[in-house]
Structures are given as C-alpha cells and as structure tokens.
Amino acid sequence: MPITEILQKNADFYPNDVALTEINPQAGDRSKMTWREYALIESTPGKAYKREITWSNFNKMSNRFANLLLARGLKKGDKVAILMMNCLEWLPTYFGALKAGAIIVPLNFRYTADEIKYCLNKADCDYIVFGPEFTGRIEEIVERVPRIKMWLYSGEDCPTFADSFDTLINYCSSKAPAVKLTDEDDAAIYFSSGTTGFPKAILHSHEALMHAARTEQAHHSQTKNDVFLCIPPLYHTGAKMHWFGSFLVGGRAVLLKGVKPEWIIQTAAEEKCTIVWLLVPWAQDILDAIDSGKINLDDYDLSAWRLMHIGAQPVPPSLIKRWQQHFPNHQYDTNYGLSESIGPGCVHLGVENPHKVGAIGKAGFGWQVKIVGSDGCEVKQGEVGELAVKGPGVMKCYYKDEKATEEVLKNGWLFTGDMAMEDADGFIYLVDRKKDVIISGGENIYPVQIEDFIRKLDAVKDVAVIGLPDSRLGEISAAIIEVKDGYALTEDEVNDFCRDLPKYKRPRKIIFADIPRNPTGKIEKPVLRKRYRSENLVAMQNEIG
C-alpha cells in the first residue's frame, strides 16, 4: 500500500483532529501571512509562535499541491525537489508530490549553491519548492539548471525568477488526483549525509516508505494518543521515518524549530509530548543544562513523556546512564539505520533491554542482519566484521551510479560500511565506520572505543578520534576534544586518564577544538581529517627536512 493512502485514511477517520503543530520559540505574533492562513492552517499568537493543521486540511493541502504540479505538466516519475527549513508546509508538500506520482527529492538546507545544483542535476529534478532562506543560493544557479520546469517559492516577497507557490496553490482543487500508485513505484531520492564523501542519491520505493512506518510502530507501539516531538531536519530519513510510526496510527506530531535545551523541555511539557527522539549533542546539552541549574525539572510537567530514543550515531553508554538518573521513568531505546535502509530501525535495541545500553540491538521488525569478514563469510560471535542488512526497506539503488550500487548491494544484502560485533546474547555493537578504522603499526584501532572512553571525563563535551599520517607507523590516532563551558582540561590530564587504555589505543596526539557535526548529529570526520592531516603532513616534512 502506498504511504499516501495513510494520509487519506487519517483524513477520513480523524478529520478535525490536529495532525501537526509547529512551535517556533524565536518568533512573536505574526498577523500578516500568505497561504499559510487560508483557512487550512490555524495560527495562535503568543510568546511561542504556534500553528496547527488538522488531518483533513493536511490532506487537502497535499491534494492542492499535487494538482498544481499536474496542471503544470508533471508526469508520473518526474522529480520534485524540496528545499525548506522545518515548517508546517514541509510535509503537505512532500505528500503532495507523492500523490501526483512524482519522486520527491528532499535537499539538505546546509547545501551551498553549487551543492544544490549538483543534487538537482544528479537526481534529474524537474521541479523545486524552496523557502525564503534559500533565495540567494537559488538565484546563483537558476540559469545553470535548465531542466527545471518550475521554480516554486513558498513565502512572502516572491523573487522575480520564481512562481509563487502561495498564490498558485489557492487556485487548485483539494480533491485527490486520479493518479494510481503501487508499492513498486519509485517514491523518493534521499541524499546520503556525505560523512564519507560527496552525497550519493538513494532511490527508494513506496514499499520502503511503508515498511519504515510499520517498523517504527512495531518497535515503539505508538497509538492515536501519542504525541511525537520532531526536532531533526525533515529532509533526512531519521526524523521523518520515526514520525511515520505516529503517522500510521493518526498520532499528532510537534515540529519544534530550535534545539535549545530549555525549548525542548518546555515544548515537551506544554504539548504533552509522549515520545521524543534526540540526537546525542541535544541530549548532552539537556543534561548539562540540568546539572548546571539552567533547567529545573521541577518547573515542568513532563509526566506524559514515556519514551526517549536516540540514534544517528554510536550512543555513549555514559550518556544514557546520566539520562536515566534524571529521568528514571523514561523508557529508552536506540535504533540503527542509514538512508540506504530508509532510515532507522533495521537494527533495534528494544525498550525491554536497558541492561544492554551500548548495543544497537538485534534485527528490527521485518529485517535480517549478519556480520561478515573480508571474505564475505559470516564471522564468529565476538569477532569484528562488516554489518549487512536485508529487508523491504533496502534502497533500490544509488541513482545513476551502477558501480557504487554494486559495491554495497549483494544478493539483496546491503553492506553498510559499519564495523560491528555480536555478543553471546546476540546483541550487536557498533565498533566503527569501516572507513574510519585507523591502522597504526599493523594494529586496527576503532575510534568509537576511544571516544567512549574519553567521554567519561567530566570536562569533555564532545570528542572525535581520527587517524593522522605518520612516517613510522603509517597512522597515529589523534583525539580532538571539545571542552564543556566552565571547565578546564589539559593534555597531561587526558594522557593520564588514557593510561587505563591498552597502549596501542592511547591517542598519540591531543587537540582541543570544536567538534563539527552535521544536522543529523554525525561527527563530520572528513572535515576534521582534511583540517588536521595537512597540518600533520607539514610537520612530518619539517622533521624529515
């Protein structure tokens, strides 16, 4: 069943119930609005700018956008890009494109003009909807992507090179378009996060989207009464696929525009959120704010909050132990996944396994997993190998990249590039990215293990371990450490602390600096390697010279 049918079902069963709530703590009262206030979206003036839309109006808005695209010549299988910040219009736009039979192409809001151009061309996009934050970047490339049939602008003060989405949408029918969709139809192209190079275009079917919804709901038992707090960017599979579990049963979602700890806690309290999905940095910031006294939990009614789950990267066990001290009544879960497996859920810890904090879990609902060595055969329990997954959520291919597809898709199995091991109870632990493994003097060093160890230092806010070139050992490990505000930490203190590690695992170099992370919370190690490897090469050359 195509996922668009779930939206129609929710509109039929729960027409007047709120589907989406947008909270923007940074905005005040806005009385002047465009299409956002044409009786489909309700706005609530006040300290925290709040807008809401019912399931019926969500469906009508999606139908209007679908009919707009069809009226402008869209054919089934055409590509529609969406480049907007998280907002109440994002999801109706997404589903409208799907209803029209298009393949939706969400774009990262951090892309430069040239990266946007690259992705539009790579995915063969025919249409694009963009928000006011991107006018400058789009203006740079509008003449360089000639295949785009329509540049649609959502917001006030439409630029001259674009058509006004807000105006045109008003003239379109809110009835469902007569476009037949099947599970096998192509549905979406997601771009990889680019942590191991330039992003690849990942093609998924409608079946994969539906499997993501079923997997999420099976893991976290969402009901109509659950309220999901969505904070991460909607262009990424992580946030949206977790929301799909609530979407499947008609549960409300709250889109929070901002990541300050006090905003997250306040929104969770005021909106009676029951499920909150966090990235590691945000959970860390919340705990730090509580410990420093910036947040007093006694000031908030968080009794509705039942589940905190976390993902997108290896989760430090020390972080979860701290969380459980402050929130002892929370269920905790972590889900592993990647965009090639339609986001999180192919490996799943389970709320019933808090004693296994640190593991990513076992095969998720409808999934198979295995850990294989370099020879392609499964390794023994306790041995490290590459994690491979198989299920209905595996991508069709890397779009227009047959070679890259063949490297990771083998007999229906997706080889993830993540190194993992399985314990005696069958639980899987991530060891590291295959491309992040450091080979020093013939020894394999897994950065995540060192990072988890260093995070135990109270002064450490974040840490990333990378390999730097070395004339004798080939590579050495370097720890880039970001120190918490108000704390001090020295190189000697770090080295003394690391004496409990095996000698070959101890960082050979300590660097104090900020840790860059992408919008989905993953450490941008290519950025760090580029920054510090060149410095190390210069130092090596000076030593030789």
Protein backbone atom coordinates (compact mmCIF):
# COMPACT_ATOMS: atom_id res chain seq x y z
CA MET A 1 0.00 0.00 0.00
CA PRO A 2 1.50 3.39 -0.99
CA ILE A 3 2.08 5.60 2.04
CA THR A 4 -0.17 8.34 0.62
CA GLU A 5 -3.17 6.14 1.47
CA ILE A 6 -2.35 6.52 5.17
CA LEU A 7 -2.84 10.28 4.86
CA GLN A 8 -6.23 9.76 3.20
CA LYS A 9 -7.21 7.27 5.92
CA ASN A 10 -6.28 9.70 8.70
CA ALA A 11 -8.25 12.47 6.99
CA ASP A 12 -11.28 10.17 6.76
CA PHE A 13 -11.11 8.81 10.32
CA TYR A 14 -9.83 11.89 12.22
CA PRO A 15 -10.70 14.93 10.03
CA ASN A 16 -10.85 17.52 12.82
CA ASP A 17 -8.00 16.22 14.97
CA VAL A 18 -4.74 18.13 14.90
CA ALA A 19 -2.15 16.35 12.79
CA LEU A 20 0.81 18.73 13.02
CA THR A 21 1.76 21.51 15.40
CA GLU A 22 4.60 23.93 14.66
CA ILE A 23 6.34 25.66 17.56
CA ASN A 24 8.78 28.48 16.86
CA PRO A 25 10.10 29.86 20.18
CA GLN A 26 12.07 32.57 18.36
CA ALA A 27 9.07 34.21 16.67
CA GLY A 28 6.48 36.54 18.07
CA ASP A 29 2.96 37.29 16.91
CA ARG A 30 2.60 37.28 13.11
CA SER A 31 -0.63 38.72 11.84
CA LYS A 32 0.47 39.05 8.21
CA MET A 33 0.66 35.70 6.43
CA THR A 34 0.17 34.31 2.94
CA TRP A 35 -1.21 30.89 2.02
CA ARG A 36 -0.33 29.61 5.46
CA GLU A 37 -3.52 31.23 6.78
CA TYR A 38 -6.06 30.44 4.10
CA ALA A 39 -8.35 28.53 6.49
CA LEU A 40 -6.27 25.36 6.33
CA ILE A 41 -3.67 26.34 8.93
CA GLU A 42 -4.62 27.93 12.25
CA SER A 43 -2.19 30.28 13.96
CA THR A 44 -2.05 31.06 17.67
CA PRO A 45 -0.47 34.42 18.53
CA GLY A 46 1.59 34.49 21.67
CA LYS A 47 5.00 34.22 23.17
CA ALA A 48 5.76 30.98 21.36
CA TYR A 49 4.57 31.21 17.80
CA LYS A 50 2.31 28.23 17.22
CA ARG A 51 0.49 26.96 14.13
CA GLU A 52 -1.59 23.81 13.67
CA ILE A 53 -3.22 21.84 10.90
CA THR A 54 -5.85 19.10 11.06
CA TRP A 55 -5.66 15.79 9.23
CA SER A 56 -8.39 16.94 6.85
CA ASN A 57 -6.55 20.13 5.93
CA PHE A 58 -3.19 18.35 5.76
CA ASN A 59 -4.75 16.08 3.13
CA LYS A 60 -6.38 18.97 1.27
CA MET A 61 -3.11 20.92 1.11
CA SER A 62 -1.31 17.87 -0.26
CA ASN A 63 -4.02 17.41 -2.89
CA ARG A 64 -3.79 21.06 -3.91
CA PHE A 65 -0.06 20.82 -4.41
CA ALA A 66 -0.43 17.58 -6.36
CA ASN A 67 -3.00 19.20 -8.65
CA LEU A 68 -0.77 22.25 -9.11
CA LEU A 69 2.09 20.03 -10.29
CA LEU A 70 -0.17 18.06 -12.62
CA ALA A 71 -1.59 21.27 -14.09
CA ARG A 72 1.97 22.39 -14.82
CA GLY A 73 2.76 19.30 -16.82
CA LEU A 74 4.19 16.88 -14.25
CA LYS A 75 4.27 13.28 -15.42
CA LYS A 76 4.46 10.21 -13.19
CA GLY A 77 8.10 9.63 -12.28
CA ASP A 78 9.16 13.28 -12.60
CA LYS A 79 11.34 14.53 -9.74
CA VAL A 80 10.29 17.28 -7.31
CA ALA A 81 12.92 18.76 -5.01
CA ILE A 82 12.04 20.38 -1.70
CA LEU A 83 14.39 22.86 -0.05
CA MET A 84 12.75 24.34 3.03
CA MET A 85 13.52 24.64 6.69
CA ASN A 86 11.31 22.57 9.01
CA CYS A 87 7.85 24.12 8.89
CA LEU A 88 4.19 23.16 8.77
CA GLU A 89 4.21 23.30 4.94
CA TRP A 90 7.03 20.78 4.57
CA LEU A 91 5.08 17.53 4.99
CA PRO A 92 1.99 18.53 2.95
CA THR A 93 4.42 19.47 0.16
CA TYR A 94 6.17 16.11 0.47
CA PHE A 95 2.93 14.14 0.33
CA GLY A 96 1.52 16.33 -2.43
CA ALA A 97 4.42 15.43 -4.70
CA LEU A 98 3.93 11.73 -3.91
CA LYS A 99 0.20 11.96 -4.63
CA ALA A 100 0.97 13.44 -8.05
CA GLY A 101 3.09 10.38 -8.84
CA ALA A 102 6.34 12.29 -8.53
CA ILE A 103 9.56 11.15 -6.93
CA ILE A 104 10.25 13.51 -4.04
CA VAL A 105 13.84 14.75 -3.55
CA PRO A 106 14.41 16.38 -0.12
CA LEU A 107 17.52 18.57 -0.03
CA ASN A 108 19.83 19.41 2.86
CA PHE A 109 19.29 23.01 3.98
CA ARG A 110 23.04 23.39 4.56
CA TYR A 111 23.95 22.82 0.93
CA THR A 112 25.81 25.57 -0.85
CA ALA A 113 24.54 26.85 -4.20
CA ASP A 114 26.90 24.52 -6.06
CA GLU A 115 25.83 21.53 -3.95
CA ILE A 116 22.16 22.31 -4.64
CA LYS A 117 22.96 22.48 -8.35
CA TYR A 118 24.83 19.17 -8.16
CA CYS A 119 21.93 17.41 -6.42
CA LEU A 120 19.28 18.83 -8.76
CA ASN A 121 21.26 17.58 -11.73
CA LYS A 122 22.21 14.26 -10.15
CA ALA A 123 18.58 13.44 -9.36
CA ASP A 124 17.25 14.79 -12.69
CA CYS A 125 14.89 17.14 -10.86
CA ASP A 126 12.08 18.75 -12.88
CA TYR A 127 10.52 21.00 -10.20
CA ILE A 128 11.66 22.56 -6.94
CA VAL A 129 9.91 24.21 -4.00
CA PHE A 130 12.16 26.45 -1.90
CA GLY A 131 11.76 28.77 1.06
CA PRO A 132 12.92 32.37 1.62
CA GLU A 133 16.11 31.27 3.40
CA PHE A 134 17.43 29.91 0.08
CA THR A 135 16.60 32.72 -2.35
CA GLY A 136 20.22 33.85 -2.68
CA ARG A 137 21.56 30.36 -3.26
CA ILE A 138 18.85 29.52 -5.78
CA GLU A 139 19.37 32.80 -7.65
CA GLU A 140 23.02 31.80 -8.20
CA ILE A 141 22.07 28.61 -10.04
CA VAL A 142 18.70 29.30 -11.66
CA GLU A 143 20.30 29.77 -15.08
CA ARG A 144 22.56 26.73 -14.66
CA VAL A 145 19.90 24.04 -14.20
CA PRO A 146 17.94 24.33 -17.45
CA ARG A 147 15.95 21.12 -16.94
CA ILE A 148 13.96 22.66 -14.05
CA LYS A 149 10.49 23.42 -15.43
CA MET A 150 9.27 25.40 -12.44
CA TRP A 151 10.93 27.19 -9.54
CA LEU A 152 8.27 27.46 -6.84
CA TYR A 153 8.81 29.87 -3.96
CA SER A 154 6.99 29.42 -0.64
CA GLY A 155 6.88 32.65 1.36
CA GLU A 156 6.33 36.38 1.11
CA ASP A 157 8.04 38.62 -1.47
CA CYS A 158 8.40 36.09 -4.26
CA PRO A 159 11.58 36.69 -6.33
CA THR A 160 11.07 37.56 -10.00
CA PHE A 161 12.71 34.36 -11.28
CA ALA A 162 10.21 32.11 -9.43
CA ASP A 163 6.49 31.36 -9.30
CA SER A 164 4.59 31.99 -6.09
CA PHE A 165 3.64 28.69 -4.51
CA ASP A 166 1.47 30.60 -2.03
CA THR A 167 -0.60 32.27 -4.75
CA LEU A 168 -0.95 29.37 -7.19
CA ILE A 169 -1.97 26.86 -4.52
CA ASN A 170 -5.18 28.79 -3.87
CA TYR A 171 -6.50 28.09 -7.36
CA CYS A 172 -6.05 24.31 -7.20
CA SER A 173 -8.60 21.64 -6.35
CA SER A 174 -8.38 20.00 -2.94
CA LYS A 175 -9.71 16.70 -4.33
CA ALA A 176 -7.36 13.74 -4.60
CA PRO A 177 -5.73 13.49 -8.04
CA ALA A 178 -6.54 10.43 -10.16
CA VAL A 179 -3.01 9.03 -10.13
CA LYS A 180 -2.59 5.32 -9.46
CA LEU A 181 0.36 4.36 -7.27
CA THR A 182 1.76 0.92 -6.45
CA ASP A 183 4.19 -0.40 -3.85
CA GLU A 184 6.81 -0.93 -6.55
CA ASP A 185 6.69 2.66 -7.83
CA ASP A 186 9.69 4.86 -7.15
CA ALA A 187 8.86 7.29 -4.35
CA ALA A 188 11.87 9.24 -3.09
CA ILE A 189 15.51 10.08 -3.66
CA TYR A 190 17.36 10.85 -0.46
CA PHE A 191 20.92 12.09 -0.44
CA SER A 192 23.38 10.44 1.92
CA SER A 193 24.80 12.59 4.70
CA GLY A 194 28.15 12.83 2.96
CA THR A 195 30.21 11.82 6.02
CA THR A 196 32.31 9.53 3.82
CA GLY A 197 32.44 11.74 0.71
CA PHE A 198 30.08 13.69 -1.52
CA PRO A 199 26.43 12.65 -1.05
CA LYS A 200 25.00 9.81 -3.13
CA ALA A 201 21.44 9.79 -4.48
CA ILE A 202 19.50 6.95 -2.82
CA LEU A 203 16.37 5.72 -4.60
CA HIS A 204 13.51 4.22 -2.55
CA SER A 205 10.12 2.76 -3.44
CA HIS A 206 6.72 3.30 -1.86
CA GLU A 207 7.09 -0.14 -0.28
CA ALA A 208 10.22 1.04 1.54
CA LEU A 209 8.43 4.08 2.96
CA MET A 210 5.58 1.93 4.22
CA HIS A 211 7.98 -0.57 5.74
CA ALA A 212 9.66 2.26 7.65
CA ALA A 213 6.27 3.21 9.12
CA ARG A 214 5.39 -0.36 10.09
CA THR A 215 8.84 -0.97 11.60
CA GLU A 216 8.73 2.17 13.72
CA GLN A 217 5.23 1.46 15.01
CA ALA A 218 6.13 -2.15 15.81
CA HIS A 219 9.15 -1.02 17.81
CA HIS A 220 7.54 1.77 19.84
CA SER A 221 3.84 0.85 19.97
CA GLN A 222 2.52 4.27 19.01
CA THR A 223 -1.18 4.84 19.45
CA LYS A 224 -3.53 7.62 18.40
CA ASN A 225 -2.92 9.28 21.78
CA ASP A 226 0.85 9.56 21.41
CA VAL A 227 2.43 12.93 20.63
CA PHE A 228 5.76 12.81 18.81
CA LEU A 229 8.22 15.69 19.24
CA CYS A 230 10.13 16.11 15.98
CA ILE A 231 13.26 18.27 16.10
CA PRO A 232 15.73 16.99 13.45
CA PRO A 233 15.58 18.22 9.84
CA LEU A 234 12.74 16.73 7.84
CA TYR A 235 14.87 16.34 4.71
CA HIS A 236 16.66 13.44 6.43
CA THR A 237 15.21 9.96 6.78
CA GLY A 238 15.81 9.82 10.54
CA ALA A 239 13.25 12.34 11.76
CA LYS A 240 10.58 11.59 9.20
CA MET A 241 10.73 7.82 9.46
CA HIS A 242 10.39 7.96 13.25
CA TRP A 243 7.36 10.23 12.75
CA PHE A 244 5.95 7.66 10.30
CA GLY A 245 5.18 5.39 13.27
CA SER A 246 2.81 8.03 14.66
CA PHE A 247 1.55 8.91 11.18
CA LEU A 248 0.50 5.29 10.70
CA VAL A 249 -1.97 5.49 13.63
CA GLY A 250 -3.04 9.13 13.31
CA GLY A 251 -0.97 10.45 16.23
CA ARG A 252 -0.07 14.13 16.47
CA ALA A 253 3.44 15.44 15.75
CA VAL A 254 5.00 18.63 17.08
CA LEU A 255 7.64 20.31 14.91
CA LEU A 256 9.99 22.32 17.12
CA LYS A 257 12.05 24.96 15.33
CA GLY A 258 15.12 25.15 17.53
CA VAL A 259 17.32 22.91 19.65
CA LYS A 260 18.00 24.86 22.84
CA PRO A 261 17.60 22.55 25.86
CA GLU A 262 15.03 24.77 27.54
CA TRP A 263 12.94 24.90 24.34
CA ILE A 264 12.92 21.11 24.08
CA ILE A 265 11.92 20.62 27.72
CA GLN A 266 9.32 23.41 27.65
CA THR A 267 7.73 22.14 24.43
CA ALA A 268 7.66 18.56 25.70
CA ALA A 269 5.85 19.79 28.82
CA GLU A 270 3.40 22.21 27.20
CA GLU A 271 2.45 19.95 24.29
CA LYS A 272 2.25 16.81 26.47
CA CYS A 273 4.72 15.01 24.23
CA THR A 274 4.98 11.30 24.88
CA ILE A 275 7.84 10.39 22.52
CA VAL A 276 10.97 12.44 21.91
CA TRP A 277 13.73 11.45 19.52
CA LEU A 278 17.04 13.16 20.22
CA LEU A 279 20.50 13.37 18.72
CA VAL A 280 23.46 12.81 21.02
CA PRO A 281 24.50 16.52 21.18
CA TRP A 282 20.99 17.61 22.16
CA ALA A 283 20.70 15.00 24.90
CA GLN A 284 24.12 16.04 26.14
CA ASP A 285 23.09 19.72 26.19
CA ILE A 286 19.90 18.94 28.11
CA LEU A 287 21.82 17.01 30.77
CA ASP A 288 24.43 19.76 31.05
CA ALA A 289 21.68 22.38 31.44
CA ILE A 290 20.08 20.32 34.22
CA ASP A 291 23.38 19.75 36.01
CA SER A 292 24.31 23.45 35.79
CA GLY A 293 20.93 24.57 37.14
CA LYS A 294 19.80 26.28 33.92
CA ILE A 295 16.91 23.83 33.80
CA ASN A 296 14.99 22.87 36.93
CA LEU A 297 12.90 19.83 36.11
CA ASP A 298 10.55 20.63 38.98
CA ASP A 299 9.32 23.59 36.93
CA TYR A 300 7.90 21.35 34.18
CA ASP A 301 5.16 18.75 34.00
CA LEU A 302 6.80 16.01 31.96
CA SER A 303 4.55 13.21 33.18
CA ALA A 304 3.27 12.44 29.66
CA TRP A 305 6.79 11.75 28.33
CA ARG A 306 7.19 7.95 28.16
CA LEU A 307 9.97 7.28 25.64
CA MET A 308 13.31 8.89 24.80
CA HIS A 309 15.03 7.28 21.88
CA ILE A 310 18.23 8.28 20.24
CA GLY A 311 20.28 7.40 17.20
CA ALA A 312 22.07 8.57 14.04
CA GLN A 313 25.47 7.71 15.57
CA PRO A 314 27.03 5.48 18.24
CA VAL A 315 25.49 6.38 21.60
CA PRO A 316 27.87 6.65 24.58
CA PRO A 317 26.60 4.38 27.40
CA SER A 318 27.69 7.03 29.91
CA LEU A 319 25.22 9.47 28.34
CA ILE A 320 22.27 7.09 28.78
CA LYS A 321 23.23 6.30 32.36
CA ARG A 322 23.20 10.02 33.13
CA TRP A 323 19.83 10.37 31.39
CA GLN A 324 18.31 7.57 33.42
CA GLN A 325 19.45 9.24 36.63
CA HIS A 326 17.47 12.38 35.76
CA PHE A 327 14.57 10.62 34.02
CA PRO A 328 14.19 7.27 35.80
CA ASN A 329 10.68 6.67 34.46
CA HIS A 330 11.59 7.01 30.79
CA GLN A 331 11.75 4.05 28.51
CA TYR A 332 14.93 4.20 26.48
CA ASP A 333 15.63 2.86 23.01
CA THR A 334 18.15 3.24 20.24
CA ASN A 335 17.69 2.39 16.60
CA TYR A 336 20.36 1.87 14.00
CA GLY A 337 19.88 2.61 10.34
CA LEU A 338 21.09 4.56 7.36
CA SER A 339 19.47 6.36 4.47
CA GLU A 340 20.12 3.33 2.26
CA SER A 341 17.86 1.31 4.58
CA ILE A 342 15.16 4.04 4.68
CA GLY A 343 16.44 5.38 7.97
CA PRO A 344 16.41 3.91 11.47
CA GLY A 345 15.05 0.56 12.51
CA CYS A 346 16.89 -2.20 10.67
CA VAL A 347 18.69 -2.88 13.96
CA HIS A 348 16.80 -2.17 17.16
CA LEU A 349 17.72 -2.35 20.85
CA GLY A 350 14.18 -2.50 22.27
CA VAL A 351 12.77 -0.75 25.33
CA GLU A 352 12.82 -4.07 27.17
CA ASN A 353 16.64 -4.24 27.05
CA PRO A 354 18.00 -1.34 29.14
CA HIS A 355 20.62 -3.74 30.54
CA LYS A 356 22.19 -3.73 27.06
CA VAL A 357 22.78 0.02 26.82
CA GLY A 358 25.68 0.49 24.43
CA ALA A 359 24.45 -2.12 21.96
CA ILE A 360 22.44 -1.15 18.88
CA GLY A 361 20.40 -4.33 19.36
CA LYS A 362 19.14 -7.12 17.13
CA ALA A 363 17.47 -7.29 13.73
CA GLY A 364 14.50 -4.91 13.58
CA PHE A 365 10.93 -5.71 12.58
CA GLY A 366 10.98 -7.37 9.14
CA TRP A 367 14.78 -7.19 8.87
CA GLN A 368 17.66 -9.68 8.71
CA VAL A 369 21.23 -8.90 9.77
CA LYS A 370 24.63 -10.56 9.55
CA ILE A 371 28.25 -9.65 10.26
CA VAL A 372 30.75 -10.69 7.62
CA GLY A 373 34.51 -10.70 7.18
CA SER A 374 36.54 -9.52 4.20
CA ASP A 375 35.91 -12.90 2.53
CA GLY A 376 32.13 -12.33 2.61
CA CYS A 377 31.54 -15.13 5.12
CA GLU A 378 29.88 -14.58 8.48
CA VAL A 379 32.33 -14.12 11.36
CA LYS A 380 32.11 -15.88 14.70
CA GLN A 381 30.40 -14.29 17.69
CA GLY A 382 32.73 -11.79 19.31
CA GLU A 383 34.68 -11.11 16.12
CA VAL A 384 34.57 -7.80 14.28
CA GLY A 385 33.19 -7.66 10.74
CA GLU A 386 31.06 -5.54 8.44
CA LEU A 387 27.37 -5.25 9.25
CA ALA A 388 24.99 -6.21 6.43
CA VAL A 389 21.19 -5.88 6.47
CA LYS A 390 18.35 -7.18 4.33
CA GLY A 391 14.66 -6.28 4.21
CA PRO A 392 11.88 -4.40 2.39
CA GLY A 393 13.45 -1.05 3.33
CA VAL A 394 16.69 -1.56 1.41
CA MET A 395 17.17 1.02 -1.35
CA LYS A 396 16.60 0.14 -4.98
CA CYS A 397 19.97 1.60 -5.96
CA TYR A 398 22.22 4.61 -5.93
CA TYR A 399 20.52 6.61 -8.66
CA LYS A 400 22.63 6.77 -11.84
CA ASP A 401 25.59 5.10 -10.10
CA GLU A 402 25.73 1.43 -11.02
CA LYS A 403 29.29 0.94 -9.77
CA ALA A 404 28.57 2.33 -6.29
CA THR A 405 25.37 0.25 -6.12
CA GLU A 406 27.22 -2.97 -6.93
CA GLU A 407 29.74 -2.24 -4.17
CA VAL A 408 27.10 -2.25 -1.42
CA LEU A 409 24.15 -4.32 -2.74
CA LYS A 410 24.94 -8.03 -3.00
CA ASN A 411 22.21 -10.66 -3.38
CA GLY A 412 19.69 -8.39 -1.67
CA TRP A 413 22.03 -7.61 1.23
CA LEU A 414 23.07 -4.03 1.94
CA PHE A 415 26.65 -3.82 3.15
CA THR A 416 26.59 -0.84 5.48
CA GLY A 417 30.28 0.03 5.81
CA ASP A 418 29.89 -0.14 9.60
CA MET A 419 32.09 -2.49 11.60
CA ALA A 420 30.26 -4.41 14.31
CA MET A 421 30.40 -7.41 16.60
CA GLU A 422 27.79 -9.68 18.19
CA ASP A 423 27.91 -10.70 21.85
CA ALA A 424 26.98 -14.06 23.34
CA ASP A 425 23.35 -12.94 23.73
CA GLY A 426 23.02 -12.00 20.06
CA PHE A 427 23.16 -8.23 20.60
CA ILE A 428 25.11 -6.20 18.05
CA TYR A 429 27.58 -3.49 18.99
CA LEU A 430 28.89 -0.91 16.55
CA VAL A 431 32.65 -0.73 16.54
CA ASP A 432 33.22 1.95 13.92
CA ARG A 433 32.84 3.02 10.33
CA LYS A 434 34.88 0.83 8.02
CA LYS A 435 36.47 3.94 6.51
CA ASP A 436 37.21 5.40 9.95
CA VAL A 437 39.30 2.47 11.20
CA ILE A 438 42.86 3.59 11.96
CA ILE A 439 45.67 1.19 11.06
CA SER A 440 48.67 2.04 13.21
CA GLY A 441 51.75 -0.17 13.08
CA GLY A 442 49.62 -3.01 11.74
CA GLU A 443 47.03 -2.74 14.54
CA ASN A 444 43.37 -1.91 13.84
CA ILE A 445 42.20 0.91 16.08
CA TYR A 446 38.48 1.64 16.31
CA PRO A 447 37.93 5.34 17.14
CA VAL A 448 34.49 4.87 18.73
CA GLN A 449 36.01 2.76 21.52
CA ILE A 450 38.47 5.51 22.38
CA GLU A 451 35.80 8.21 22.09
CA ASP A 452 33.52 6.37 24.53
CA PHE A 453 36.40 6.09 26.99
CA ILE A 454 37.41 9.77 26.83
CA ARG A 455 33.78 10.90 27.22
CA LYS A 456 33.92 9.62 30.79
CA LEU A 457 35.95 12.70 31.69
CA ASP A 458 33.58 15.23 33.27
CA ALA A 459 35.12 18.14 31.37
CA VAL A 460 34.56 16.60 27.93
CA LYS A 461 31.60 17.88 25.96
CA ASP A 462 32.44 16.05 22.73
CA VAL A 463 35.29 14.07 21.23
CA ALA A 464 36.32 12.72 17.85
CA VAL A 465 39.24 10.40 17.16
CA ILE A 466 40.80 10.37 13.69
CA GLY A 467 43.90 8.95 12.07
CA LEU A 468 46.78 11.22 11.13
CA PRO A 469 49.65 10.25 8.81
CA ASP A 470 52.85 9.09 10.50
CA SER A 471 56.17 8.29 8.79
CA ARG A 472 56.90 5.27 11.00
CA LEU A 473 53.50 3.77 11.95
CA GLY A 474 51.53 4.77 8.86
CA GLU A 475 48.87 6.41 11.01
CA ILE A 476 48.53 7.56 14.59
CA SER A 477 45.33 8.30 16.49
CA ALA A 478 44.52 11.88 17.37
CA ALA A 479 41.75 12.91 19.78
CA ILE A 480 40.02 16.21 19.06
CA ILE A 481 38.31 17.24 22.28
CA GLU A 482 35.66 19.92 22.84
CA VAL A 483 35.62 21.05 26.46
CA LYS A 484 32.42 21.95 28.31
CA ASP A 485 31.81 25.61 29.12
CA GLY A 486 33.19 26.49 32.53
CA TYR A 487 35.59 23.53 32.62
CA ALA A 488 39.33 23.30 32.06
CA LEU A 489 41.25 20.32 30.71
CA THR A 490 44.92 19.83 29.86
CA GLU A 491 46.74 17.47 27.55
CA ASP A 492 48.51 15.88 30.51
CA GLU A 493 45.19 15.20 32.24
CA VAL A 494 43.85 13.46 29.14
CA ASN A 495 47.01 11.39 28.72
CA ASP A 496 46.97 10.36 32.38
CA PHE A 497 43.33 9.34 32.10
CA CYS A 498 44.04 7.27 28.99
CA ARG A 499 46.68 5.17 30.73
CA ASP A 500 43.90 2.69 31.51
CA LEU A 501 43.59 2.01 27.77
CA PRO A 502 45.85 -0.55 26.06
CA LYS A 503 48.96 1.27 24.92
CA TYR A 504 48.22 0.97 21.19
CA LYS A 505 44.78 2.53 21.70
CA ARG A 506 46.01 5.62 23.54
CA PRO A 507 45.75 8.80 21.46
CA ARG A 508 49.19 9.91 20.26
CA LYS A 509 48.01 13.48 19.82
CA ILE A 510 45.52 15.64 21.74
CA ILE A 511 43.86 18.63 20.07
CA PHE A 512 41.43 20.96 21.84
CA ALA A 513 38.88 22.33 19.36
CA ASP A 514 35.16 22.39 18.50
CA ILE A 515 33.69 19.22 17.00
CA PRO A 516 31.72 19.81 13.77
CA ARG A 517 28.53 17.79 13.38
CA ASN A 518 26.07 17.67 10.52
CA PRO A 519 22.33 18.39 11.03
CA THR A 520 21.66 14.73 11.85
CA GLY A 521 24.23 14.77 14.66
CA LYS A 522 27.01 12.79 13.00
CA ILE A 523 30.57 13.94 13.53
CA GLU A 524 31.99 15.31 10.29
CA LYS A 525 35.22 13.35 10.36
CA PRO A 526 36.13 14.15 6.73
CA VAL A 527 36.22 17.82 7.76
CA LEU A 528 38.49 17.03 10.71
CA ARG A 529 40.77 14.79 8.64
CA LYS A 530 41.13 17.43 5.97
CA ARG A 531 41.87 20.08 8.58
CA TYR A 532 44.43 18.20 10.66
CA ARG A 533 46.02 15.74 8.26
CA SER A 534 47.51 18.55 6.17
CA GLU A 535 48.96 20.11 9.33
CA ASN A 536 50.45 16.77 10.33
CA LEU A 537 51.96 16.21 6.88
CA VAL A 538 53.66 19.59 7.06
CA ALA A 539 55.05 18.70 10.49
CA MET A 540 56.33 15.36 9.13
CA GLN A 541 58.03 17.10 6.20
CA ASN A 542 59.68 19.57 8.56
CA GLU A 543 61.01 16.68 10.64
CA ILE A 544 62.42 14.96 7.55
CA GLY A 545 63.81 18.20 6.16
